[in-house]
Structures are given as C-alpha cells and as structure tokens.
Amino acid sequence: SSGINAEYGQREVVESFSERESRLLEECRTVERKMKNMKSEQEKETKKAEKRITEARAKLAAFLKGSKELQNKMKELELEVTDSLLREVQDLRAQLPEREAAIVTAQGKVSTAQDRVC
C-alpha cells in the first residue's frame, strides 16, 4: 500500500512539476512577445521622432535660406537707396552755384529797385 502511495505521490510531483514548467514556459513566451511588441513600438516611435527631426531641420534650413535671401535683398535695396540719395545730393550740389548766382542776381535787382524807390 505504501508503495502505491509513494508512486502516486511521485506521479503528482512529476505532473505538478510538468504543469509548472508549462506555465512558466508560457509566461516566458508571453513576456518575450510583450518585449518584442514594446521594442517594435519603440522602433516606430523612434522612426516618427527621426522623421519629425528631419522635417524640422528642413524647415529650419528653408527659413535660414529665406532669411539669408531677405538679408541680401535688404542690402541691395540699401545700396540702391544710398546710391540714389548720393546722386540727388550731387545734383543739388551741382545746382548750388547756379542757385547762389540767381540769389545774388535777385538781391542785386532788389537793391537796384530800392535805390530807385528812394
């Protein structure tokens, strides 16, 4: 009788060990699947982030290029305005002796007219 009980008990131990082994293996597989899924999700998130970074860099490069073009345009306009103003000043300076002469002539006429009146 005791031999049968021992054999039965041993069978129970073997079966429970086998069941635990199966359960643990299944848990391991579940954890491995979860880890693979997490890794896959992480890779997707990393790719999305890299894409956003690339897009942001492209936008920044376009902005900087546009900014540089705008700066160049402003320099061109500044030079054009400066040149235009310099030409106007030169023209006015060139006209100055002629105008001064006209003023002197007008003053002379005023003076002559005043002499006649007096």
C-alpha atoms as a PDB file:
ATOM      1  CA  SER A   1       0.000   0.000   0.000  1.00  0.00           C
ATOM      2  CA  SER A   2       2.785   2.398   0.863  1.00  0.00           C
ATOM      3  CA  GLY A   3       4.494   1.678  -2.494  1.00  0.00           C
ATOM      4  CA  ILE A   4       1.340   2.634  -4.344  1.00  0.00           C
ATOM      5  CA  ASN A   5       1.036   5.862  -2.349  1.00  0.00           C
ATOM      6  CA  ALA A   6       4.672   6.716  -2.982  1.00  0.00           C
ATOM      7  CA  GLU A   7       4.251   6.050  -6.686  1.00  0.00           C
ATOM      8  CA  TYR A   8       1.048   8.106  -6.757  1.00  0.00           C
ATOM      9  CA  GLY A   9       2.746  10.938  -4.825  1.00  0.00           C
ATOM     10  CA  GLN A  10       5.697  10.832  -7.178  1.00  0.00           C
ATOM     11  CA  ARG A  11       3.387  10.998 -10.165  1.00  0.00           C
ATOM     12  CA  GLU A  12       1.662  14.040  -8.596  1.00  0.00           C
ATOM     13  CA  VAL A  13       5.015  15.755  -8.089  1.00  0.00           C
ATOM     14  CA  VAL A  14       6.040  14.982 -11.661  1.00  0.00           C
ATOM     15  CA  GLU A  15       2.696  16.233 -13.026  1.00  0.00           C
ATOM     16  CA  SER A  16       2.739  19.395 -10.927  1.00  0.00           C
ATOM     17  CA  PHE A  17       6.368  19.995 -11.962  1.00  0.00           C
ATOM     18  CA  SER A  18       5.384  19.485 -15.591  1.00  0.00           C
ATOM     19  CA  GLU A  19       2.413  21.828 -15.189  1.00  0.00           C
ATOM     20  CA  ARG A  20       4.590  24.481 -13.531  1.00  0.00           C
ATOM     21  CA  GLU A  21       7.196  24.087 -16.258  1.00  0.00           C
ATOM     22  CA  SER A  22       4.489  24.532 -18.947  1.00  0.00           C
ATOM     23  CA  ARG A  23       3.046  27.549 -17.137  1.00  0.00           C
ATOM     24  CA  LEU A  24       6.493  29.120 -16.709  1.00  0.00           C
ATOM     25  CA  LEU A  25       7.354  28.483 -20.372  1.00  0.00           C
ATOM     26  CA  GLU A  26       4.066  30.122 -21.393  1.00  0.00           C
ATOM     27  CA  GLU A  27       4.810  33.077 -19.119  1.00  0.00           C
ATOM     28  CA  CYS A  28       8.263  33.357 -20.699  1.00  0.00           C
ATOM     29  CA  ARG A  29       6.721  33.332 -24.173  1.00  0.00           C
ATOM     30  CA  THR A  30       4.188  35.968 -23.098  1.00  0.00           C
ATOM     31  CA  VAL A  31       6.944  38.175 -21.693  1.00  0.00           C
ATOM     32  CA  GLU A  32       9.020  37.670 -24.862  1.00  0.00           C
ATOM     33  CA  ARG A  33       6.015  38.671 -27.015  1.00  0.00           C
ATOM     34  CA  LYS A  34       5.426  41.748 -24.874  1.00  0.00           C
ATOM     35  CA  MET A  35       9.092  42.679 -25.114  1.00  0.00           C
ATOM     36  CA  LYS A  36       9.039  42.256 -28.909  1.00  0.00           C
ATOM     37  CA  ASN A  37       5.890  44.387 -29.114  1.00  0.00           C
ATOM     38  CA  MET A  38       7.450  47.041 -26.884  1.00  0.00           C
ATOM     39  CA  LYS A  39      10.626  47.002 -28.977  1.00  0.00           C
ATOM     40  CA  SER A  40       8.562  47.289 -32.147  1.00  0.00           C
ATOM     41  CA  GLU A  41       6.570  50.199 -30.661  1.00  0.00           C
ATOM     42  CA  GLN A  42       9.796  51.860 -29.551  1.00  0.00           C
ATOM     43  CA  GLU A  43      11.241  51.495 -33.059  1.00  0.00           C
ATOM     44  CA  LYS A  44       8.080  53.026 -34.549  1.00  0.00           C
ATOM     45  CA  GLU A  45       8.244  55.944 -32.088  1.00  0.00           C
ATOM     46  CA  THR A  46      11.945  56.407 -32.831  1.00  0.00           C
ATOM     47  CA  LYS A  47      11.242  56.485 -36.582  1.00  0.00           C
ATOM     48  CA  LYS A  48       8.438  59.023 -36.048  1.00  0.00           C
ATOM     49  CA  ALA A  49      10.735  61.180 -33.920  1.00  0.00           C
ATOM     50  CA  GLU A  50      13.532  60.946 -36.502  1.00  0.00           C
ATOM     51  CA  LYS A  51      11.070  61.948 -39.222  1.00  0.00           C
ATOM     52  CA  ARG A  52       9.902  64.960 -37.168  1.00  0.00           C
ATOM     53  CA  ILE A  53      13.523  65.956 -36.550  1.00  0.00           C
ATOM     54  CA  THR A  54      14.319  65.684 -40.273  1.00  0.00           C
ATOM     55  CA  GLU A  55      11.248  67.793 -41.138  1.00  0.00           C
ATOM     56  CA  ALA A  56      12.177  70.383 -38.519  1.00  0.00           C
ATOM     57  CA  ARG A  57      15.736  70.566 -39.880  1.00  0.00           C
ATOM     58  CA  ALA A  58      14.408  71.036 -43.408  1.00  0.00           C
ATOM     59  CA  LYS A  59      12.084  73.826 -42.236  1.00  0.00           C
ATOM     60  CA  LEU A  60      14.938  75.487 -40.370  1.00  0.00           C
ATOM     61  CA  ALA A  61      17.207  75.258 -43.417  1.00  0.00           C
ATOM     62  CA  ALA A  62      14.480  76.771 -45.617  1.00  0.00           C
ATOM     63  CA  PHE A  63      13.900  79.538 -43.069  1.00  0.00           C
ATOM     64  CA  LEU A  64      17.610  80.306 -42.835  1.00  0.00           C
ATOM     65  CA  LYS A  65      17.918  80.312 -46.619  1.00  0.00           C
ATOM     66  CA  GLY A  66      14.923  82.643 -46.892  1.00  0.00           C
ATOM     67  CA  SER A  67      16.356  84.809 -44.138  1.00  0.00           C
ATOM     68  CA  LYS A  68      19.703  84.994 -45.935  1.00  0.00           C
ATOM     69  CA  GLU A  69      17.967  85.858 -49.213  1.00  0.00           C
ATOM     70  CA  LEU A  70      15.985  88.549 -47.410  1.00  0.00           C
ATOM     71  CA  GLN A  71      19.159  89.968 -45.865  1.00  0.00           C
ATOM     72  CA  ASN A  72      20.803  90.063 -49.299  1.00  0.00           C
ATOM     73  CA  LYS A  73      17.737  91.771 -50.781  1.00  0.00           C
ATOM     74  CA  MET A  74      17.772  94.341 -47.957  1.00  0.00           C
ATOM     75  CA  LYS A  75      21.479  95.040 -48.589  1.00  0.00           C
ATOM     76  CA  GLU A  76      20.752  95.507 -52.308  1.00  0.00           C
ATOM     77  CA  LEU A  77      17.906  97.911 -51.538  1.00  0.00           C
ATOM     78  CA  GLU A  78      20.050  99.783 -49.033  1.00  0.00           C
ATOM     79  CA  LEU A  79      22.777 100.189 -51.666  1.00  0.00           C
ATOM     80  CA  GLU A  80      20.230 101.327 -54.259  1.00  0.00           C
ATOM     81  CA  VAL A  81      18.741 103.889 -51.868  1.00  0.00           C
ATOM     82  CA  THR A  82      22.188 105.091 -50.803  1.00  0.00           C
ATOM     83  CA  ASP A  83      23.288 105.454 -54.440  1.00  0.00           C
ATOM     84  CA  SER A  84      20.077 107.279 -55.298  1.00  0.00           C
ATOM     85  CA  LEU A  85      20.465 109.673 -52.366  1.00  0.00           C
ATOM     86  CA  LEU A  86      24.110 110.321 -53.222  1.00  0.00           C
ATOM     87  CA  ARG A  87      23.124 111.156 -56.809  1.00  0.00           C
ATOM     88  CA  GLU A  88      20.447 113.559 -55.552  1.00  0.00           C
ATOM     89  CA  VAL A  89      22.939 115.243 -53.210  1.00  0.00           C
ATOM     90  CA  GLN A  90      25.469 115.540 -56.061  1.00  0.00           C
ATOM     91  CA  ASP A  91      22.795 117.011 -58.338  1.00  0.00           C
ATOM     92  CA  LEU A  92      21.826 119.537 -55.654  1.00  0.00           C
ATOM     93  CA  ARG A  93      25.479 120.444 -55.086  1.00  0.00           C
ATOM     94  CA  ALA A  94      25.944 120.889 -58.807  1.00  0.00           C
ATOM     95  CA  GLN A  95      22.928 123.229 -58.883  1.00  0.00           C
ATOM     96  CA  LEU A  96      24.115 125.197 -55.823  1.00  0.00           C
ATOM     97  CA  PRO A  97      26.476 127.641 -57.612  1.00  0.00           C
ATOM     98  CA  GLU A  98      23.781 128.337 -60.207  1.00  0.00           C
ATOM     99  CA  ARG A  99      21.189 128.960 -57.485  1.00  0.00           C
ATOM    100  CA  GLU A 100      23.587 131.091 -55.457  1.00  0.00           C
ATOM    101  CA  ALA A 101      24.237 133.155 -58.564  1.00  0.00           C
ATOM    102  CA  ALA A 102      20.478 133.526 -59.118  1.00  0.00           C
ATOM    103  CA  ILE A 103      20.080 134.690 -55.498  1.00  0.00           C
ATOM    104  CA  VAL A 104      22.881 137.229 -55.876  1.00  0.00           C
ATOM    105  CA  THR A 105      21.268 138.472 -59.088  1.00  0.00           C
ATOM    106  CA  ALA A 106      17.867 138.719 -57.381  1.00  0.00           C
ATOM    107  CA  GLN A 107      19.380 140.570 -54.448  1.00  0.00           C
ATOM    108  CA  GLY A 108      21.039 142.972 -56.858  1.00  0.00           C
ATOM    109  CA  LYS A 109      17.723 143.642 -58.574  1.00  0.00           C
ATOM    110  CA  VAL A 110      16.001 144.197 -55.218  1.00  0.00           C
ATOM    111  CA  SER A 111      18.752 146.568 -54.197  1.00  0.00           C
ATOM    112  CA  THR A 112      18.536 148.472 -57.511  1.00  0.00           C
ATOM    113  CA  ALA A 113      14.730 148.694 -57.153  1.00  0.00           C
ATOM    114  CA  GLN A 114      15.106 150.003 -53.603  1.00  0.00           C
ATOM    115  CA  ASP A 115      17.582 152.621 -54.809  1.00  0.00           C
ATOM    116  CA  ARG A 116      15.109 153.768 -57.454  1.00  0.00           C
ATOM    117  CA  VAL A 117      12.274 153.974 -54.939  1.00  0.00           C
ATOM    118  CA  CYS A 118      14.369 156.000 -52.571  1.00  0.00           C
END
